Each structure stands twice: as C-alpha cells, then as structure tokens.
C-alpha cells in the first residue's frame, strides 16, 4: 500500500494535489491519441491534471460516459478525434460532434455549464496542438473553478 502524503494508506498519490482542475480526455486511437503520444515523444509539456483515455473512435463516446465522468468528480471533459472528413470510421467524429453538442445542452440544464466540455479535431501529426489544447482547457477550467460535483477524498 502506498502513502498519499496525507497519512492515508492504500490510495494513490494525487499529482494535482486538488489544486488543478482534473480533465478527462477521450482520445480516438488513430489521431488524437497518436497526437498525445507525439506530444510526449517531443517532450512537450501539457498539464499533469489531464487523464487521457484511448477510445477506438470518438463516435463510440456516449453522452452517458461524459456525464458519468462529471459524476465521478472531473472538472472538465475533452473529446478529441480525427479531422472532420478524415475519420477512420467514416462518420464517427460527426456523430460524436452531435452528441457533444447535446451533452453541452444537458450540462447547462443541470447547472454545470457547457464550458466544462469541449470537442477538438486534429491529426496524428499535431502533437504541439494537442499540448496547447490541454493547456487552454486547463486555463478555462481554472477560470470557471472546480466542479460542484467534486467530492473530497476522491482518488484521482
């Protein structure tokens, strides 16, 4: 068991120490995840508060998954996929765009705000752009403030 620095055993250390907004990034395997990998290979820095989750295609990301991430206490969600018209699954990112727009409407309705969710399109060669997008989202969430759904003691 590890010690998280607060004397609690069994939980992982929180590299954000609760001071930075926690971001979950759903990244498509072919483009956005490859761009994140390229950013790492180029040793480009982007905030450590970003958790990248590889998905086969952004078209597989459902509204319920996005809402569940907020329920679990993340401050923001990014869905990043292939360039429009360049999806490896033909129209997956176009379906994702519609879902994300609907999810933004739901976030407004429940009082969290649409600015906590964003969708980006990029190619696998855009590692620097991926890093910049994550920095921009982190800055946006710093201005907005922590999610009202964030719970104390949640291991990140």
Protein backbone atom coordinates (compact mmCIF):
# COMPACT_ATOMS: atom_id res chain seq x y z
CA UNK A 1 0.00 0.00 0.00
CA UNK A 2 1.17 3.48 -0.77
CA UNK A 3 1.02 6.54 1.38
CA UNK A 4 -0.62 9.52 -0.32
CA UNK A 5 1.26 12.07 1.75
CA UNK A 6 -1.72 12.71 4.00
CA UNK A 7 -1.16 9.64 6.11
CA UNK A 8 -3.82 7.65 4.26
CA UNK A 9 -2.66 4.25 3.17
CA UNK A 10 -3.96 2.42 0.16
CA UNK A 11 -4.70 5.34 -2.13
CA UNK A 12 -2.63 6.64 -5.00
CA UNK A 13 -0.87 9.99 -4.69
CA UNK A 14 -2.74 12.84 -6.34
CA UNK A 15 -0.27 14.69 -8.59
CA UNK A 16 -2.67 17.64 -8.87
CA UNK A 17 -3.00 17.92 -5.05
CA UNK A 18 -6.56 19.06 -5.66
CA UNK A 19 -5.36 22.50 -6.78
CA UNK A 20 -5.54 21.92 -10.53
CA UNK A 21 -8.71 21.09 -12.46
CA UNK A 22 -8.98 17.42 -13.32
CA UNK A 23 -9.60 16.79 -17.03
CA UNK A 24 -10.59 13.53 -18.69
CA UNK A 25 -9.69 13.42 -22.39
CA UNK A 26 -11.41 10.81 -24.57
CA UNK A 27 -8.97 10.47 -27.47
CA UNK A 28 -9.53 8.47 -30.64
CA UNK A 29 -6.91 5.81 -31.27
CA UNK A 30 -5.90 6.94 -34.75
CA UNK A 31 -5.48 10.69 -34.41
CA UNK A 32 -5.88 12.34 -31.02
CA UNK A 33 -4.20 9.57 -29.02
CA UNK A 34 -1.38 9.48 -31.57
CA UNK A 35 -1.07 13.28 -31.25
CA UNK A 36 -0.87 12.93 -27.45
CA UNK A 37 1.80 10.27 -27.92
CA UNK A 38 3.69 12.55 -30.30
CA UNK A 39 3.50 15.39 -27.78
CA UNK A 40 5.10 13.07 -25.24
CA UNK A 41 7.75 11.90 -27.70
CA UNK A 42 8.61 15.52 -28.48
CA UNK A 43 8.79 16.16 -24.73
CA UNK A 44 6.17 18.88 -25.00
CA UNK A 45 4.65 19.70 -21.67
CA UNK A 46 0.96 19.75 -21.01
CA UNK A 47 -0.68 19.76 -17.60
CA UNK A 48 -0.34 16.65 -15.44
CA UNK A 49 -4.00 17.02 -14.48
CA UNK A 50 -5.09 15.62 -17.89
CA UNK A 51 -6.04 11.94 -17.93
CA UNK A 52 -6.02 10.50 -21.45
CA UNK A 53 -8.41 7.66 -22.21
CA UNK A 54 -7.94 5.98 -25.59
CA UNK A 55 -11.13 5.05 -27.42
CA UNK A 56 -11.40 3.32 -30.82
CA UNK A 57 -13.29 6.32 -32.23
CA UNK A 58 -14.96 9.38 -30.76
CA UNK A 59 -18.15 8.02 -32.33
CA UNK A 60 -18.11 5.39 -29.58
CA UNK A 61 -18.23 8.02 -26.81
CA UNK A 62 -21.77 8.18 -25.44
CA UNK A 63 -23.38 11.10 -23.61
CA UNK A 64 -23.78 8.88 -20.55
CA UNK A 65 -20.00 8.33 -20.41
CA UNK A 66 -19.37 12.07 -20.49
CA UNK A 67 -21.95 12.72 -17.77
CA UNK A 68 -20.58 9.86 -15.67
CA UNK A 69 -17.12 11.45 -15.77
CA UNK A 70 -18.59 14.60 -14.23
CA UNK A 71 -20.46 12.50 -11.69
CA UNK A 72 -17.13 10.94 -10.69
CA UNK A 73 -15.74 14.39 -9.99
CA UNK A 74 -13.77 15.57 -13.01
CA UNK A 75 -13.83 19.30 -13.63
CA UNK A 76 -13.81 19.06 -17.41
CA UNK A 77 -14.01 16.63 -20.31
CA UNK A 78 -12.33 16.81 -23.69
CA UNK A 79 -13.34 14.63 -26.62
CA UNK A 80 -10.62 14.68 -29.28
CA UNK A 81 -10.86 12.91 -32.61
CA UNK A 82 -9.82 12.84 -36.23
CA UNK A 83 -10.18 15.82 -38.51
CA UNK A 84 -13.72 16.25 -39.82
CA UNK A 85 -14.00 14.29 -43.03
CA UNK A 86 -10.95 12.22 -42.09
CA UNK A 87 -12.45 9.78 -39.57
CA UNK A 88 -11.13 6.25 -39.92
CA UNK A 89 -14.66 5.04 -39.24
CA UNK A 90 -16.12 7.42 -41.86
CA UNK A 91 -18.61 9.44 -39.79
CA UNK A 92 -17.74 8.61 -36.19
CA UNK A 93 -16.47 12.06 -35.33
CA UNK A 94 -19.53 13.68 -36.94
CA UNK A 95 -21.80 11.58 -34.71
CA UNK A 96 -19.62 12.48 -31.75
CA UNK A 97 -19.93 16.21 -32.53
CA UNK A 98 -23.75 15.93 -32.36
CA UNK A 99 -23.57 14.02 -29.07
CA UNK A 100 -21.18 16.52 -27.54
CA UNK A 101 -23.45 19.42 -28.52
CA UNK A 102 -26.38 17.61 -26.83
CA UNK A 103 -24.23 16.90 -23.76
CA UNK A 104 -23.34 20.60 -23.55
CA UNK A 105 -27.05 21.44 -23.53
CA UNK A 106 -27.57 18.94 -20.70
CA UNK A 107 -24.67 20.41 -18.72
CA UNK A 108 -26.28 23.84 -19.00
CA UNK A 109 -29.64 22.42 -17.91
CA UNK A 110 -28.21 20.78 -14.79
CA UNK A 111 -26.15 23.83 -13.85
CA UNK A 112 -22.60 22.62 -14.54
CA UNK A 113 -22.16 24.72 -17.66
CA UNK A 114 -21.29 23.83 -21.23
CA UNK A 115 -17.77 25.28 -20.98
CA UNK A 116 -16.64 22.25 -18.98
CA UNK A 117 -16.91 20.12 -22.14
CA UNK A 118 -15.12 20.58 -25.46
CA UNK A 119 -14.57 18.63 -28.65
CA UNK A 120 -11.47 19.05 -30.79
CA UNK A 121 -10.45 17.60 -34.14
CA UNK A 122 -6.81 17.09 -35.01
CA UNK A 123 -4.49 14.84 -36.98
CA UNK A 124 -1.97 12.41 -35.56
CA UNK A 125 0.84 14.79 -36.58
CA UNK A 126 -0.43 17.61 -34.36
CA UNK A 127 1.35 16.83 -31.09
CA UNK A 128 2.07 20.50 -30.36
CA UNK A 129 -1.60 21.37 -30.97
CA UNK A 130 -2.71 18.60 -28.57
CA UNK A 131 -0.48 20.01 -25.83
CA UNK A 132 -1.78 23.54 -26.47
CA UNK A 133 -5.42 22.37 -26.37
CA UNK A 134 -4.86 20.74 -22.98
CA UNK A 135 -3.21 23.90 -21.63
CA UNK A 136 -6.12 26.01 -22.94
CA UNK A 137 -8.72 23.71 -21.37
CA UNK A 138 -6.85 23.78 -18.06
CA UNK A 139 -6.81 27.59 -18.12
CA UNK A 140 -10.52 27.70 -18.95
CA UNK A 141 -11.35 25.41 -16.03
CA UNK A 142 -9.16 27.41 -13.66
CA UNK A 143 -11.28 30.47 -14.51
CA UNK A 144 -14.55 28.55 -14.10
CA UNK A 145 -13.48 26.93 -10.85
CA UNK A 146 -13.87 23.41 -9.50
CA UNK A 147 -16.87 21.30 -10.35
CA UNK A 148 -19.61 21.45 -7.73
CA UNK A 149 -19.71 17.65 -8.04
CA UNK A 150 -16.09 17.24 -6.92
CA UNK A 151 -16.01 15.22 -3.73
CA UNK A 152 -13.41 15.24 -1.00
CA UNK A 153 -11.25 12.15 -0.79
CA UNK A 154 -11.80 11.03 -4.40
CA UNK A 155 -8.66 9.30 -5.63
CA UNK A 156 -7.69 10.66 -8.98
